[in-house]
Amino acid sequence: QVQLVESGGGLVQPGGSLRLSCAGSGIILSGTDMRWFRQAPGKQRELVASISSDDITDFSDSVKGRFAVSRDNAKNTLYLQMNSLKPEDTGVYYCNVHYILSDDWGQGTQVTVSS
C-alpha cells in the first residue's frame, strides 16, 4: 500500500522560508513523476511544482525562482524548498505521485504566510 506523508508546514512571516517533505512508503520515489499541489481556501487545487522520472523540474509562474523541488533517494523523500514566501502562498500543500492512469496523494500539510 502506497503512503505519502507530508510534513514541514507551519506559520511563517512574509519573506520567510519553509521546506516541505513528502516521505514515501510502499513505493520507491526515485524514477517516478511527482508533483506538489496547493489548495488555498475557497480555491481549486493548483499545481505548483513537478519533478519528472529523470529529475527534470518545472514550476508554475507564481513560484518560479522562489521554490525548488528535489528528491533524496536514500531517504525516499521528496522536498519542496519554499523561499521568499508571500501571503498568497498560503494553503494546504499536497505531494502527488503521477502514474499513467492514476495518482497517489498525501494528506497535505498546511502552510500559512502571515505577519
Protein backbone atom coordinates (compact mmCIF):
# COMPACT_ATOMS: atom_id res chain seq x y z
CA GLN A 1 0.00 0.00 0.00
CA VAL A 2 1.40 3.35 -1.07
CA GLN A 3 1.59 6.06 1.58
CA LEU A 4 2.80 9.61 1.13
CA VAL A 5 3.22 11.67 4.28
CA GLU A 6 3.84 15.41 4.05
CA SER A 7 5.41 17.43 6.84
CA GLY A 8 7.15 20.75 7.39
CA GLY A 9 4.25 23.14 7.09
CA GLY A 10 3.54 25.89 9.57
CA LEU A 11 3.16 29.59 10.10
CA VAL A 12 5.83 31.82 8.58
CA GLN A 13 6.16 35.55 8.04
CA PRO A 14 6.23 37.03 4.54
CA GLY A 15 9.72 36.72 3.11
CA GLY A 16 10.44 33.62 5.15
CA SER A 17 11.24 30.08 4.10
CA LEU A 18 9.91 26.60 4.70
CA ARG A 19 10.93 23.18 3.48
CA LEU A 20 8.19 20.63 2.98
CA SER A 21 8.90 16.92 2.97
CA CYS A 22 6.96 14.06 1.44
CA ALA A 23 8.05 10.66 2.72
CA GLY A 24 7.05 7.64 0.73
CA SER A 25 6.34 4.10 1.88
CA GLY A 26 5.19 1.18 -0.20
CA ILE A 27 6.75 2.87 -3.21
CA ILE A 28 10.22 3.84 -4.40
CA LEU A 29 10.01 7.54 -5.24
CA SER A 30 13.15 7.57 -7.35
CA GLY A 31 12.24 7.42 -11.02
CA THR A 32 8.62 8.46 -10.57
CA ASP A 33 6.83 11.56 -11.81
CA MET A 34 5.95 13.58 -8.75
CA ARG A 35 4.23 16.87 -8.17
CA TRP A 36 3.42 19.38 -5.46
CA PHE A 37 -0.02 20.94 -5.44
CA ARG A 38 -1.56 23.50 -3.15
CA GLN A 39 -5.10 24.46 -2.35
CA ALA A 40 -5.99 27.83 -0.89
CA PRO A 41 -9.27 28.32 0.96
CA GLY A 42 -12.13 28.57 -1.48
CA LYS A 43 -9.93 27.86 -4.48
CA GLN A 44 -9.19 24.87 -6.67
CA ARG A 45 -6.13 22.76 -6.13
CA GLU A 46 -3.29 24.04 -8.31
CA LEU A 47 -0.04 22.53 -9.49
CA VAL A 48 2.99 24.43 -8.23
CA ALA A 49 5.98 22.17 -8.93
CA SER A 50 6.87 18.92 -10.59
CA ILE A 51 9.83 16.61 -10.94
CA SER A 52 9.92 14.05 -13.68
CA SER A 53 11.17 10.48 -13.53
CA ASP A 54 14.51 11.74 -14.88
CA ASP A 55 14.61 14.63 -12.39
CA ILE A 56 13.60 17.46 -14.67
CA THR A 57 11.82 20.10 -12.62
CA ASP A 58 9.17 22.60 -13.56
CA PHE A 59 7.30 25.29 -11.68
CA SER A 60 4.23 27.41 -12.01
CA ASP A 61 4.86 31.04 -12.90
CA SER A 62 3.66 32.11 -9.46
CA VAL A 63 6.51 30.28 -7.68
CA LYS A 64 9.26 30.19 -10.31
CA GLY A 65 12.52 31.48 -8.90
CA ARG A 66 11.34 31.08 -5.30
CA PHE A 67 10.59 27.34 -4.95
CA ALA A 68 12.80 24.35 -5.61
CA VAL A 69 11.95 20.65 -5.69
CA SER A 70 14.33 17.79 -5.04
CA ARG A 71 14.43 14.14 -4.10
CA ASP A 72 16.58 12.29 -1.59
CA ASN A 73 16.57 8.73 -2.85
CA ALA A 74 18.32 7.37 0.23
CA LYS A 75 15.53 8.72 2.41
CA ASN A 76 12.81 8.01 -0.17
CA THR A 77 11.62 11.56 0.32
CA LEU A 78 10.56 14.44 -1.92
CA TYR A 79 11.17 18.03 -0.83
CA LEU A 80 9.77 21.42 -1.68
CA GLN A 81 12.01 24.30 -0.64
CA MET A 82 9.98 27.49 -0.48
CA ASN A 83 11.77 30.84 -0.20
CA SER A 84 10.58 34.46 -0.24
CA LEU A 85 7.14 33.32 0.82
CA LYS A 86 4.15 35.54 0.17
CA PRO A 87 0.70 35.59 1.76
CA GLU A 88 -0.71 34.20 -1.48
CA ASP A 89 1.38 31.06 -0.96
CA THR A 90 -0.93 30.15 1.91
CA GLY A 91 -2.74 26.86 1.51
CA VAL A 92 -2.63 23.13 2.05
CA TYR A 93 0.26 21.58 0.17
CA TYR A 94 -0.04 18.06 -1.21
CA CYS A 95 2.51 15.78 -2.78
CA ASN A 96 1.45 13.50 -5.58
CA VAL A 97 2.83 10.55 -7.50
CA HIS A 98 1.53 10.62 -11.04
CA TYR A 99 1.07 7.39 -12.96
CA ILE A 100 -0.34 6.92 -16.43
CA LEU A 101 -3.88 6.19 -15.27
CA SER A 102 -3.96 7.19 -11.63
CA ASP A 103 -2.39 9.22 -8.85
CA ASP A 104 -1.45 8.75 -5.23
CA TRP A 105 -1.82 11.65 -2.82
CA GLY A 106 -0.59 12.58 0.61
CA GLN A 107 -2.86 14.02 3.28
CA GLY A 108 -1.46 17.54 2.95
CA THR A 109 0.35 19.98 5.19
CA GLN A 110 -0.85 23.50 6.00
CA VAL A 111 1.31 26.47 5.09
CA THR A 112 0.27 29.88 6.37
CA VAL A 113 2.18 33.00 5.37
CA SER A 114 1.14 35.90 7.55
CA SER A 115 2.58 38.67 9.66
